[in-house]
PDB file of N, CA and C in Angstrom:
ATOM      1  N   MET A   1       8.979  -7.653   5.549  1.00  0.00           N
ATOM      2  CA  MET A   1       8.918  -6.556   5.200  1.00  0.00           C
ATOM      3  C   MET A   1       8.615  -5.907   3.460  1.00  0.00           C
ATOM      4  N   LYS A   2       7.659  -5.338   3.603  1.00  0.00           N
ATOM      5  CA  LYS A   2       7.128  -4.759   2.134  1.00  0.00           C
ATOM      6  C   LYS A   2       8.268  -3.895   1.581  1.00  0.00           C
ATOM      7  N   SER A   3       8.392  -4.075   0.606  1.00  0.00           N
ATOM      8  CA  SER A   3       9.644  -2.837  -0.180  1.00  0.00           C
ATOM      9  C   SER A   3       9.146  -1.602  -0.252  1.00  0.00           C
ATOM     10  N   PRO A   4       9.649  -0.421   0.110  1.00  0.00           N
ATOM     11  CA  PRO A   4       9.210   0.773  -0.073  1.00  0.00           C
ATOM     12  C   PRO A   4       8.918   1.301  -1.447  1.00  0.00           C
ATOM     13  N   ILE A   5       9.201   0.428  -2.266  1.00  0.00           N
ATOM     14  CA  ILE A   5       8.898   0.661  -3.629  1.00  0.00           C
ATOM     15  C   ILE A   5       8.431  -0.449  -4.411  1.00  0.00           C
ATOM     16  N   THR A   6       7.279  -0.104  -5.061  1.00  0.00           N
ATOM     17  CA  THR A   6       6.493  -1.992  -5.692  1.00  0.00           C
ATOM     18  C   THR A   6       6.468  -1.195  -6.896  1.00  0.00           C
ATOM     19  N   CYS A   7       5.968  -2.638  -7.594  1.00  0.00           N
ATOM     20  CA  CYS A   7       5.305  -2.110  -9.357  1.00  0.00           C
ATOM     21  C   CYS A   7       4.790  -3.503  -9.350  1.00  0.00           C
ATOM     22  N   HIS A   8       3.817  -3.129  -9.942  1.00  0.00           N
ATOM     23  CA  HIS A   8       2.450  -4.042 -10.605  1.00  0.00           C
ATOM     24  C   HIS A   8       2.636  -3.884 -12.729  1.00  0.00           C
ATOM     25  N   VAL A   9       2.398  -4.872 -13.240  1.00  0.00           N
ATOM     26  CA  VAL A   9       2.341  -4.726 -14.457  1.00  0.00           C
ATOM     27  C   VAL A   9       1.080  -5.441 -15.072  1.00  0.00           C
ATOM     28  N   LEU A  10      -0.039  -4.618 -15.314  1.00  0.00           N
ATOM     29  CA  LEU A  10      -0.810  -5.258 -16.057  1.00  0.00           C
ATOM     30  C   LEU A  10      -1.358  -5.139 -17.677  1.00  0.00           C
ATOM     31  N   VAL A  11      -1.539  -6.546 -18.560  1.00  0.00           N
ATOM     32  CA  VAL A  11      -1.074  -6.136 -19.527  1.00  0.00           C
ATOM     33  C   VAL A  11      -3.097  -5.998 -20.530  1.00  0.00           C
ATOM     34  N   ALA A  12      -2.960  -4.582 -20.641  1.00  0.00           N
ATOM     35  CA  ALA A  12      -4.224  -4.010 -20.928  1.00  0.00           C
ATOM     36  C   ALA A  12      -5.136  -4.805 -21.799  1.00  0.00           C
ATOM     37  N   SER A  13      -4.179  -4.939 -22.965  1.00  0.00           N
ATOM     38  CA  SER A  13      -4.688  -5.516 -23.976  1.00  0.00           C
ATOM     39  C   SER A  13      -5.368  -7.237 -23.727  1.00  0.00           C
ATOM     40  N   GLN A  14      -4.826  -7.571 -22.820  1.00  0.00           N
ATOM     41  CA  GLN A  14      -5.184  -9.071 -22.502  1.00  0.00           C
ATOM     42  C   GLN A  14      -6.265  -9.014 -21.093  1.00  0.00           C
ATOM     43  N   GLY A  15      -6.259  -8.151 -20.185  1.00  0.00           N
ATOM     44  CA  GLY A  15      -6.651  -7.942 -19.128  1.00  0.00           C
ATOM     45  C   GLY A  15      -6.079  -8.891 -18.046  1.00  0.00           C
ATOM     46  N   LYS A  16      -4.894  -9.062 -18.144  1.00  0.00           N
ATOM     47  CA  LYS A  16      -4.162 -10.054 -17.336  1.00  0.00           C
ATOM     48  C   LYS A  16      -3.301  -9.287 -16.605  1.00  0.00           C
ATOM     49  N   PRO A  17      -2.352 -10.130 -15.759  1.00  0.00           N
ATOM     50  CA  PRO A  17      -1.267  -9.482 -14.947  1.00  0.00           C
ATOM     51  C   PRO A  17       0.127  -9.850 -16.058  1.00  0.00           C
ATOM     52  N   GLY A  18       0.690  -8.975 -15.979  1.00  0.00           N
ATOM     53  CA  GLY A  18       2.231  -9.216 -16.526  1.00  0.00           C
ATOM     54  C   GLY A  18       3.068 -10.492 -16.034  1.00  0.00           C
ATOM     55  N   ARG A  19       3.109 -11.289 -16.000  1.00  0.00           N
ATOM     56  CA  ARG A  19       3.869 -12.130 -15.202  1.00  0.00           C
ATOM     57  C   ARG A  19       4.972 -12.736 -15.622  1.00  0.00           C
ATOM     58  N   ASN A  20       6.013 -12.567 -14.990  1.00  0.00           N
ATOM     59  CA  ASN A  20       7.509 -12.983 -15.158  1.00  0.00           C
ATOM     60  C   ASN A  20       8.421 -11.872 -16.003  1.00  0.00           C
ATOM     61  N   VAL A  21       7.655 -10.708 -16.014  1.00  0.00           N
ATOM     62  CA  VAL A  21       8.754  -9.636 -16.677  1.00  0.00           C
ATOM     63  C   VAL A  21       9.768  -9.579 -15.712  1.00  0.00           C
ATOM     64  N   GLN A  22      10.549  -9.173 -16.658  1.00  0.00           N
ATOM     65  CA  GLN A  22      12.323  -8.811 -15.528  1.00  0.00           C
ATOM     66  C   GLN A  22      11.888  -7.146 -15.347  1.00  0.00           C
ATOM     67  N   VAL A  23      12.530  -6.754 -14.270  1.00  0.00           N
ATOM     68  CA  VAL A  23      12.196  -5.487 -13.761  1.00  0.00           C
ATOM     69  C   VAL A  23      13.376  -5.196 -12.703  1.00  0.00           C
ATOM     70  N   LYS A  24      13.970  -4.058 -13.632  1.00  0.00           N
ATOM     71  CA  LYS A  24      15.472  -3.514 -12.748  1.00  0.00           C
ATOM     72  C   LYS A  24      15.039  -2.182 -11.928  1.00  0.00           C
ATOM     73  N   ILE A  25      15.675  -1.739 -11.265  1.00  0.00           N
ATOM     74  CA  ILE A  25      15.379  -0.753 -10.247  1.00  0.00           C
ATOM     75  C   ILE A  25      16.587  -0.152 -10.220  1.00  0.00           C
ATOM     76  N   GLU A  26      16.955   1.035 -10.317  1.00  0.00           N
ATOM     77  CA  GLU A  26      18.181   2.186 -10.378  1.00  0.00           C
ATOM     78  C   GLU A  26      18.147   3.022  -9.416  1.00  0.00           C
ATOM     79  N   LYS A  27      19.360   3.519  -8.866  1.00  0.00           N
ATOM     80  CA  LYS A  27      19.250   5.116  -8.247  1.00  0.00           C
ATOM     81  C   LYS A  27      20.249   5.723  -8.906  1.00  0.00           C
ATOM     82  N   ILE A  28      20.147   6.918  -9.106  1.00  0.00           N
ATOM     83  CA  ILE A  28      21.098   7.880  -9.749  1.00  0.00           C
ATOM     84  C   ILE A  28      21.890   8.276  -8.493  1.00  0.00           C
ATOM     85  N   ASP A  29      23.222   8.678  -8.693  1.00  0.00           N
ATOM     86  CA  ASP A  29      24.191   8.561  -7.652  1.00  0.00           C
ATOM     87  C   ASP A  29      24.806  10.195  -8.028  1.00  0.00           C
ATOM     88  N   ALA A  30      25.612  10.032  -7.002  1.00  0.00           N
ATOM     89  CA  ALA A  30      26.480  12.052  -6.686  1.00  0.00           C
ATOM     90  C   ALA A  30      26.672  12.320  -8.003  1.00  0.00           C
ATOM     91  N   ALA A  31      27.112  11.320  -8.779  1.00  0.00           N
ATOM     92  CA  ALA A  31      28.140  11.837 -10.335  1.00  0.00           C
ATOM     93  C   ALA A  31      26.992  12.005 -11.510  1.00  0.00           C
ATOM     94  N   GLY A  32      25.713  11.297 -11.073  1.00  0.00           N
ATOM     95  CA  GLY A  32      24.513  11.340 -12.062  1.00  0.00           C
ATOM     96  C   GLY A  32      24.779  10.083 -12.747  1.00  0.00           C
ATOM     97  N   ALA A  33      24.955   9.783 -12.544  1.00  0.00           N
ATOM     98  CA  ALA A  33      24.930   8.105 -12.776  1.00  0.00           C
ATOM     99  C   ALA A  33      23.819   6.927 -12.751  1.00  0.00           C
ATOM    100  N   PHE A  34      23.282   5.998 -13.279  1.00  0.00           N
ATOM    101  CA  PHE A  34      22.483   5.191 -12.305  1.00  0.00           C
ATOM    102  C   PHE A  34      22.906   3.846 -11.789  1.00  0.00           C
ATOM    103  N   GLN A  35      22.769   3.914 -10.939  1.00  0.00           N
ATOM    104  CA  GLN A  35      23.298   2.552 -10.467  1.00  0.00           C
ATOM    105  C   GLN A  35      22.358   1.375  -9.988  1.00  0.00           C
ATOM    106  N   THR A  36      22.507  -0.018 -10.346  1.00  0.00           N
ATOM    107  CA  THR A  36      21.277  -0.577 -10.608  1.00  0.00           C
ATOM    108  C   THR A  36      21.307  -1.179  -8.637  1.00  0.00           C
ATOM    109  N   LEU A  37      20.287  -1.218  -8.559  1.00  0.00           N
ATOM    110  CA  LEU A  37      20.184  -1.418  -6.852  1.00  0.00           C
ATOM    111  C   LEU A  37      19.347  -3.258  -6.849  1.00  0.00           C
ATOM    112  N   ASN A  38      18.992  -3.502  -8.281  1.00  0.00           N
ATOM    113  CA  ASN A  38      18.049  -5.036  -8.423  1.00  0.00           C
ATOM    114  C   ASN A  38      17.594  -4.985  -9.456  1.00  0.00           C
ATOM    115  N   VAL A  39      17.276  -6.417  -9.569  1.00  0.00           N
ATOM    116  CA  VAL A  39      16.833  -7.003 -10.683  1.00  0.00           C
ATOM    117  C   VAL A  39      16.062  -7.902 -10.231  1.00  0.00           C
ATOM    118  N   SER A  40      14.888  -8.090 -10.663  1.00  0.00           N
ATOM    119  CA  SER A  40      13.616  -8.675 -10.110  1.00  0.00           C
ATOM    120  C   SER A  40      12.889  -9.100 -11.529  1.00  0.00           C
ATOM    121  N   ARG A  41      11.808  -9.742 -10.808  1.00  0.00           N
ATOM    122  CA  ARG A  41      10.778 -10.722 -11.692  1.00  0.00           C
ATOM    123  C   ARG A  41       9.428 -10.368 -11.370  1.00  0.00           C
ATOM    124  N   THR A  42       8.260  -9.616 -11.978  1.00  0.00           N
ATOM    125  CA  THR A  42       6.723  -9.814 -11.429  1.00  0.00           C
ATOM    126  C   THR A  42       6.459 -11.106 -11.222  1.00  0.00           C
ATOM    127  N   ASN A  43       5.631 -11.414 -10.120  1.00  0.00           N
ATOM    128  CA  ASN A  43       4.829 -12.702  -9.906  1.00  0.00           C
ATOM    129  C   ASN A  43       3.772 -13.117 -10.688  1.00  0.00           C
ATOM    130  N   GLU A  44       3.047 -14.130  -9.763  1.00  0.00           N
ATOM    131  CA  GLU A  44       1.892 -14.625 -11.023  1.00  0.00           C
ATOM    132  C   GLU A  44       0.662 -13.673 -11.084  1.00  0.00           C
ATOM    133  N   ASP A  45       0.848 -12.845 -10.290  1.00  0.00           N
ATOM    134  CA  ASP A  45       0.038 -11.845 -10.028  1.00  0.00           C
ATOM    135  C   ASP A  45       0.360 -10.210 -11.038  1.00  0.00           C
ATOM    136  N   GLY A  46       1.608 -10.485 -11.481  1.00  0.00           N
ATOM    137  CA  GLY A  46       2.244  -9.291 -12.091  1.00  0.00           C
ATOM    138  C   GLY A  46       2.699  -7.848 -11.205  1.00  0.00           C
ATOM    139  N   ARG A  47       2.999  -8.407 -10.029  1.00  0.00           N
ATOM    140  CA  ARG A  47       3.692  -7.476  -8.932  1.00  0.00           C
ATOM    141  C   ARG A  47       4.864  -8.020  -8.622  1.00  0.00           C
ATOM    142  N   CYS A  48       5.868  -7.136  -8.028  1.00  0.00           N
ATOM    143  CA  CYS A  48       7.334  -7.189  -7.874  1.00  0.00           C
ATOM    144  C   CYS A  48       7.019  -6.221  -6.108  1.00  0.00           C
ATOM    145  N   PRO A  49       6.660  -7.339  -5.258  1.00  0.00           N
ATOM    146  CA  PRO A  49       6.761  -7.018  -4.119  1.00  0.00           C
ATOM    147  C   PRO A  49       7.808  -6.665  -3.830  1.00  0.00           C
ATOM    148  N   GLY A  50       9.043  -7.037  -3.609  1.00  0.00           N
ATOM    149  CA  GLY A  50      10.282  -7.113  -3.274  1.00  0.00           C
ATOM    150  C   GLY A  50      11.753  -6.318  -4.502  1.00  0.00           C
ATOM    151  N   LEU A  51      10.510  -5.398  -4.718  1.00  0.00           N
ATOM    152  CA  LEU A  51      11.551  -4.944  -5.720  1.00  0.00           C
ATOM    153  C   LEU A  51      13.107  -4.187  -5.284  1.00  0.00           C
ATOM    154  N   LEU A  52      12.655  -3.471  -4.051  1.00  0.00           N
ATOM    155  CA  LEU A  52      13.952  -2.586  -3.788  1.00  0.00           C
ATOM    156  C   LEU A  52      14.495  -3.657  -2.578  1.00  0.00           C
ATOM    157  N   PRO A  53      15.132  -4.227  -2.197  1.00  0.00           N
ATOM    158  CA  PRO A  53      15.554  -4.996  -1.227  1.00  0.00           C
ATOM    159  C   PRO A  53      16.376  -4.096   0.112  1.00  0.00           C
ATOM    160  N   MET A  54      15.604  -3.281   0.523  1.00  0.00           N
ATOM    161  CA  MET A  54      15.796  -2.488   1.735  1.00  0.00           C
ATOM    162  C   MET A  54      15.002  -2.806   2.709  1.00  0.00           C
ATOM    163  N   GLU A  55      15.424  -2.812   3.963  1.00  0.00           N
ATOM    164  CA  GLU A  55      14.713  -2.745   5.143  1.00  0.00           C
ATOM    165  C   GLU A  55      14.354  -1.461   5.617  1.00  0.00           C
ATOM    166  N   GLY A  56      12.803  -1.498   5.638  1.00  0.00           N
ATOM    167  CA  GLY A  56      12.013  -0.164   6.168  1.00  0.00           C
ATOM    168  C   GLY A  56      11.864   0.904   5.100  1.00  0.00           C
ATOM    169  N   ARG A  57      12.894   1.498   4.779  1.00  0.00           N
ATOM    170  CA  ARG A  57      12.669   2.916   4.129  1.00  0.00           C
ATOM    171  C   ARG A  57      13.301   3.008   3.056  1.00  0.00           C
ATOM    172  N   ALA A  58      13.270   3.729   1.915  1.00  0.00           N
ATOM    173  CA  ALA A  58      14.101   3.923   0.744  1.00  0.00           C
ATOM    174  C   ALA A  58      14.852   5.574   0.952  1.00  0.00           C
ATOM    175  N   GLU A  59      15.928   5.914   0.208  1.00  0.00           N
ATOM    176  CA  GLU A  59      16.187   6.949   0.250  1.00  0.00           C
ATOM    177  C   GLU A  59      15.795   7.530  -0.596  1.00  0.00           C
ATOM    178  N   LYS A  60      15.741   9.271  -0.229  1.00  0.00           N
ATOM    179  CA  LYS A  60      15.612  10.775  -1.403  1.00  0.00           C
ATOM    180  C   LYS A  60      16.270  10.488  -2.418  1.00  0.00           C
ATOM    181  N   GLY A  61      15.847  10.670  -3.409  1.00  0.00           N
ATOM    182  CA  GLY A  61      16.603  10.691  -4.923  1.00  0.00           C
ATOM    183  C   GLY A  61      15.529  10.321  -6.044  1.00  0.00           C
ATOM    184  N   ILE A  62      16.484  10.185  -7.051  1.00  0.00           N
ATOM    185  CA  ILE A  62      15.634   9.843  -8.084  1.00  0.00           C
ATOM    186  C   ILE A  62      16.073   8.098  -8.651  1.00  0.00           C
ATOM    187  N   TYR A  63      15.368   7.741  -8.974  1.00  0.00           N
ATOM    188  CA  TYR A  63      15.050   6.277  -9.613  1.00  0.00           C
ATOM    189  C   TYR A  63      14.215   6.160 -10.974  1.00  0.00           C
ATOM    190  N   ARG A  64      15.180   5.369 -11.300  1.00  0.00           N
ATOM    191  CA  ARG A  64      14.284   4.506 -12.821  1.00  0.00           C
ATOM    192  C   ARG A  64      14.573   3.118 -12.729  1.00  0.00           C
ATOM    193  N   ILE A  65      13.253   2.817 -13.157  1.00  0.00           N
ATOM    194  CA  ILE A  65      12.696   1.204 -12.947  1.00  0.00           C
ATOM    195  C   ILE A  65      12.437   1.047 -14.529  1.00  0.00           C
ATOM    196  N   THR A  66      13.358  -0.110 -15.324  1.00  0.00           N
ATOM    197  CA  THR A  66      12.545  -0.516 -16.633  1.00  0.00           C
ATOM    198  C   THR A  66      12.290  -1.913 -16.565  1.00  0.00           C
ATOM    199  N   PHE A  67      11.274  -1.819 -17.541  1.00  0.00           N
ATOM    200  CA  PHE A  67      10.942  -2.988 -17.522  1.00  0.00           C
ATOM    201  C   PHE A  67      11.083  -3.714 -18.705  1.00  0.00           C
ATOM    202  N   GLU A  68      11.417  -4.627 -19.094  1.00  0.00           N
ATOM    203  CA  GLU A  68      11.884  -5.501 -20.460  1.00  0.00           C
ATOM    204  C   GLU A  68      10.742  -5.977 -21.107  1.00  0.00           C
ATOM    205  N   THR A  69       9.621  -5.230 -21.792  1.00  0.00           N
ATOM    206  CA  THR A  69       8.510  -5.652 -22.090  1.00  0.00           C
ATOM    207  C   THR A  69       8.540  -6.503 -23.589  1.00  0.00           C
ATOM    208  N   LYS A  70       9.942  -6.403 -24.580  1.00  0.00           N
ATOM    209  CA  LYS A  70       9.904  -7.030 -25.764  1.00  0.00           C
ATOM    210  C   LYS A  70      10.472  -8.284 -25.067  1.00  0.00           C
ATOM    211  N   ALA A  71      11.099  -8.614 -24.187  1.00  0.00           N
ATOM    212  CA  ALA A  71      11.173 -10.494 -23.821  1.00  0.00           C
ATOM    213  C   ALA A  71       9.865 -10.777 -23.165  1.00  0.00           C
ATOM    214  N   PHE A  72       9.008  -9.905 -22.765  1.00  0.00           N
ATOM    215  CA  PHE A  72       7.456 -11.009 -22.261  1.00  0.00           C
ATOM    216  C   PHE A  72       7.215 -10.791 -23.422  1.00  0.00           C
ATOM    217  N   PHE A  73       6.922 -10.132 -24.102  1.00  0.00           N
ATOM    218  CA  PHE A  73       6.063 -10.063 -25.281  1.00  0.00           C
ATOM    219  C   PHE A  73       6.332 -11.224 -26.419  1.00  0.00           C
ATOM    220  N   ASP A  74       7.765 -11.099 -26.274  1.00  0.00           N
ATOM    221  CA  ASP A  74       8.455 -12.600 -27.244  1.00  0.00           C
ATOM    222  C   ASP A  74       7.848 -13.553 -26.720  1.00  0.00           C
ATOM    223  N   SER A  75       8.122 -13.979 -25.229  1.00  0.00           N
ATOM    224  CA  SER A  75       7.319 -15.058 -24.494  1.00  0.00           C
ATOM    225  C   SER A  75       6.242 -15.713 -24.644  1.00  0.00           C
ATOM    226  N   ILE A  76       4.895 -14.439 -25.000  1.00  0.00           N
ATOM    227  CA  ILE A  76       3.709 -14.778 -24.908  1.00  0.00           C
ATOM    228  C   ILE A  76       3.373 -14.861 -26.720  1.00  0.00           C
ATOM    229  N   GLY A  77       4.178 -14.623 -27.439  1.00  0.00           N
ATOM    230  CA  GLY A  77       4.132 -14.944 -29.292  1.00  0.00           C
ATOM    231  C   GLY A  77       3.733 -13.893 -29.371  1.00  0.00           C
ATOM    232  N   GLU A  78       3.677 -12.514 -28.693  1.00  0.00           N
ATOM    233  CA  GLU A  78       3.112 -11.284 -29.581  1.00  0.00           C
ATOM    234  C   GLU A  78       4.571 -10.239 -29.828  1.00  0.00           C
ATOM    235  N   GLN A  79       4.347  -9.618 -30.812  1.00  0.00           N
ATOM    236  CA  GLN A  79       5.122  -8.406 -31.252  1.00  0.00           C
ATOM    237  C   GLN A  79       4.922  -7.158 -30.490  1.00  0.00           C
ATOM    238  N   CYS A  80       5.978  -6.397 -30.259  1.00  0.00           N
ATOM    239  CA  CYS A  80       5.432  -5.222 -29.574  1.00  0.00           C
ATOM    240  C   CYS A  80       6.244  -3.699 -30.243  1.00  0.00           C
ATOM    241  N   PHE A  81       5.831  -2.533 -30.010  1.00  0.00           N
ATOM    242  CA  PHE A  81       6.455  -1.337 -30.803  1.00  0.00           C
ATOM    243  C   PHE A  81       7.950  -1.595 -29.706  1.00  0.00           C
ATOM    244  N   TYR A  82       7.130  -1.067 -27.986  1.00  0.00           N
ATOM    245  CA  TYR A  82       8.721  -0.771 -27.024  1.00  0.00           C
ATOM    246  C   TYR A  82       9.469  -1.886 -26.777  1.00  0.00           C
ATOM    247  N   PRO A  83      10.568  -1.882 -26.683  1.00  0.00           N
ATOM    248  CA  PRO A  83      11.305  -3.448 -26.388  1.00  0.00           C
ATOM    249  C   PRO A  83      11.411  -2.861 -24.967  1.00  0.00           C
ATOM    250  N   TYR A  84      11.339  -2.054 -24.033  1.00  0.00           N
ATOM    251  CA  TYR A  84      11.317  -1.967 -22.887  1.00  0.00           C
ATOM    252  C   TYR A  84      11.012  -0.557 -22.435  1.00  0.00           C
ATOM    253  N   VAL A  85      10.397   0.091 -20.979  1.00  0.00           N
ATOM    254  CA  VAL A  85       9.597   0.672 -20.614  1.00  0.00           C
ATOM    255  C   VAL A  85      10.662   1.212 -19.736  1.00  0.00           C
ATOM    256  N   GLN A  86      10.810   2.829 -19.531  1.00  0.00           N
ATOM    257  CA  GLN A  86      11.675   3.141 -18.471  1.00  0.00           C
ATOM    258  C   GLN A  86      10.839   4.209 -18.037  1.00  0.00           C
ATOM    259  N   ILE A  87      10.516   3.907 -16.200  1.00  0.00           N
ATOM    260  CA  ILE A  87      10.059   5.067 -15.507  1.00  0.00           C
ATOM    261  C   ILE A  87      10.826   5.643 -14.739  1.00  0.00           C
ATOM    262  N   VAL A  88      10.886   6.639 -15.047  1.00  0.00           N
ATOM    263  CA  VAL A  88      12.003   7.626 -13.624  1.00  0.00           C
ATOM    264  C   VAL A  88      11.216   8.751 -12.911  1.00  0.00           C
ATOM    265  N   PHE A  89      11.298   8.523 -11.619  1.00  0.00           N
ATOM    266  CA  PHE A  89      10.788   9.132 -11.039  1.00  0.00           C
ATOM    267  C   PHE A  89      11.299   9.612  -9.701  1.00  0.00           C
ATOM    268  N   GLU A  90      10.835  10.648  -8.635  1.00  0.00           N
ATOM    269  CA  GLU A  90      11.918  11.730  -7.578  1.00  0.00           C
ATOM    270  C   GLU A  90      10.731  10.654  -6.430  1.00  0.00           C
ATOM    271  N   LEU A  91      11.573  10.227  -5.818  1.00  0.00           N
ATOM    272  CA  LEU A  91      11.195   9.843  -4.247  1.00  0.00           C
ATOM    273  C   LEU A  91      11.577  10.749  -3.399  1.00  0.00           C
ATOM    274  N   THR A  92      10.986  11.573  -2.756  1.00  0.00           N
ATOM    275  CA  THR A  92      11.009  13.050  -1.921  1.00  0.00           C
ATOM    276  C   THR A  92      10.706  12.652  -0.580  1.00  0.00           C
ATOM    277  N   ASN A  93      10.137  11.778  -0.535  1.00  0.00           N
ATOM    278  CA  ASN A  93       9.493  11.223   1.340  1.00  0.00           C
ATOM    279  C   ASN A  93       9.923   9.516   1.269  1.00  0.00           C
ATOM    280  N   PRO A  94      10.861   9.853   1.791  1.00  0.00           N
ATOM    281  CA  PRO A  94      11.096   8.287   2.244  1.00  0.00           C
ATOM    282  C   PRO A  94      10.105   7.804   3.315  1.00  0.00           C
ATOM    283  N   GLU A  95       9.169   8.165   3.928  1.00  0.00           N
ATOM    284  CA  GLU A  95       8.329   8.061   5.019  1.00  0.00           C
ATOM    285  C   GLU A  95       7.066   6.709   4.178  1.00  0.00           C
ATOM    286  N   GLN A  96       6.754   7.411   2.723  1.00  0.00           N
ATOM    287  CA  GLN A  96       5.871   7.153   1.971  1.00  0.00           C
ATOM    288  C   GLN A  96       6.071   5.823   1.192  1.00  0.00           C
ATOM    289  N   HIS A  97       4.815   4.870   0.717  1.00  0.00           N
ATOM    290  CA  HIS A  97       5.147   3.877  -0.381  1.00  0.00           C
ATOM    291  C   HIS A  97       4.926   4.732  -1.154  1.00  0.00           C
ATOM    292  N   TYR A  98       6.018   3.983  -2.282  1.00  0.00           N
ATOM    293  CA  TYR A  98       5.788   4.476  -3.867  1.00  0.00           C
ATOM    294  C   TYR A  98       5.701   3.343  -4.721  1.00  0.00           C
ATOM    295  N   HIS A  99       4.302   3.225  -5.309  1.00  0.00           N
ATOM    296  CA  HIS A  99       3.777   1.732  -5.872  1.00  0.00           C
ATOM    297  C   HIS A  99       3.919   2.917  -7.444  1.00  0.00           C
ATOM    298  N   ILE A 100       4.469   1.952  -8.288  1.00  0.00           N
ATOM    299  CA  ILE A 100       4.774   2.281  -9.977  1.00  0.00           C
ATOM    300  C   ILE A 100       3.729   1.202 -10.554  1.00  0.00           C
ATOM    301  N   PRO A 101       2.461   1.357 -11.101  1.00  0.00           N
ATOM    302  CA  PRO A 101       2.022   0.500 -12.134  1.00  0.00           C
ATOM    303  C   PRO A 101       2.311   1.179 -13.363  1.00  0.00           C
ATOM    304  N   LEU A 102       2.261  -0.160 -14.346  1.00  0.00           N
ATOM    305  CA  LEU A 102       2.335   0.290 -15.943  1.00  0.00           C
ATOM    306  C   LEU A 102       1.268  -0.895 -16.521  1.00  0.00           C
ATOM    307  N   LEU A 103       0.677  -0.104 -16.999  1.00  0.00           N
ATOM    308  CA  LEU A 103      -0.920  -0.597 -17.802  1.00  0.00           C
ATOM    309  C   LEU A 103      -0.233  -0.935 -19.209  1.00  0.00           C
ATOM    310  N   LEU A 104       0.419  -2.176 -19.639  1.00  0.00           N
ATOM    311  CA  LEU A 104       1.101  -2.051 -20.855  1.00  0.00           C
ATOM    312  C   LEU A 104       0.008  -2.803 -21.927  1.00  0.00           C
ATOM    313  N   SER A 105       0.162  -2.778 -23.425  1.00  0.00           N
ATOM    314  CA  SER A 105      -0.444  -3.313 -24.334  1.00  0.00           C
ATOM    315  C   SER A 105       1.030  -3.109 -25.546  1.00  0.00           C
ATOM    316  N   PRO A 106       0.942  -4.371 -26.339  1.00  0.00           N
ATOM    317  CA  PRO A 106       1.965  -4.322 -27.781  1.00  0.00           C
ATOM    318  C   PRO A 106       2.377  -2.797 -28.277  1.00  0.00           C
ATOM    319  N   TYR A 107       1.680  -1.868 -28.156  1.00  0.00           N
ATOM    320  CA  TYR A 107       1.655  -0.897 -28.972  1.00  0.00           C
ATOM    321  C   TYR A 107       1.562   0.360 -28.058  1.00  0.00           C
ATOM    322  N   SER A 108       1.431   0.283 -26.564  1.00  0.00           N
ATOM    323  CA  SER A 108       1.473   1.615 -25.496  1.00  0.00           C
ATOM    324  C   SER A 108       1.437   0.948 -24.531  1.00  0.00           C
ATOM    325  N   TYR A 109       1.419   2.225 -23.604  1.00  0.00           N
ATOM    326  CA  TYR A 109       1.957   1.641 -22.210  1.00  0.00           C
ATOM    327  C   TYR A 109       1.762   3.310 -21.330  1.00  0.00           C
ATOM    328  N   THR A 110       1.018   3.090 -20.154  1.00  0.00           N
ATOM    329  CA  THR A 110       0.535   4.309 -19.579  1.00  0.00           C
ATOM    330  C   THR A 110       1.091   3.843 -18.017  1.00  0.00           C
ATOM    331  N   THR A 111       1.524   4.776 -17.259  1.00  0.00           N
ATOM    332  CA  THR A 111       1.436   4.543 -16.085  1.00  0.00           C
ATOM    333  C   THR A 111       1.195   5.780 -15.138  1.00  0.00           C
ATOM    334  N   TYR A 112       1.513   5.646 -13.881  1.00  0.00           N
ATOM    335  CA  TYR A 112       0.957   6.579 -13.072  1.00  0.00           C
ATOM    336  C   TYR A 112       1.568   6.120 -11.432  1.00  0.00           C
ATOM    337  N   ARG A 113       1.503   7.004 -10.467  1.00  0.00           N
ATOM    338  CA  ARG A 113       1.932   7.272  -9.299  1.00  0.00           C
ATOM    339  C   ARG A 113       0.601   5.988  -8.636  1.00  0.00           C
ATOM    340  N   GLY A 114       0.836   4.848  -8.339  1.00  0.00           N
ATOM    341  CA  GLY A 114      -0.548   4.215  -7.599  1.00  0.00           C
ATOM    342  C   GLY A 114      -0.205   4.390  -5.948  1.00  0.00           C
ATOM    343  N   SER A 115      -1.107   3.261  -5.434  1.00  0.00           N
ATOM    344  CA  SER A 115      -1.341   3.735  -3.708  1.00  0.00           C
ATOM    345  C   SER A 115      -0.718   2.615  -3.265  1.00  0.00           C
TER     346      SER A 115
END
């Protein structure tokens, strides 16, 4: 079964997938602190299809995805300005699929809600 929350890293400066990027997903708890749900890595296509290890559906709430961008750029011999990228979003409809793409370059990034 596909994770209800997925992500995708594309290195826009190279026009290639961001392979083997460490990705952490967290959810905010009742006390207002983020709790780690899973740590994973992007695959050869830059995707993380098993990001949220839950069967079926996610829960409503505020989530944070952290991409370890410095370690990725170090691994390909490039410097970068942002050592990591964090994307915080609110999941309001657990019946929907949430896809979080990250377009990345050493000195910029862009994200949006994908499909």
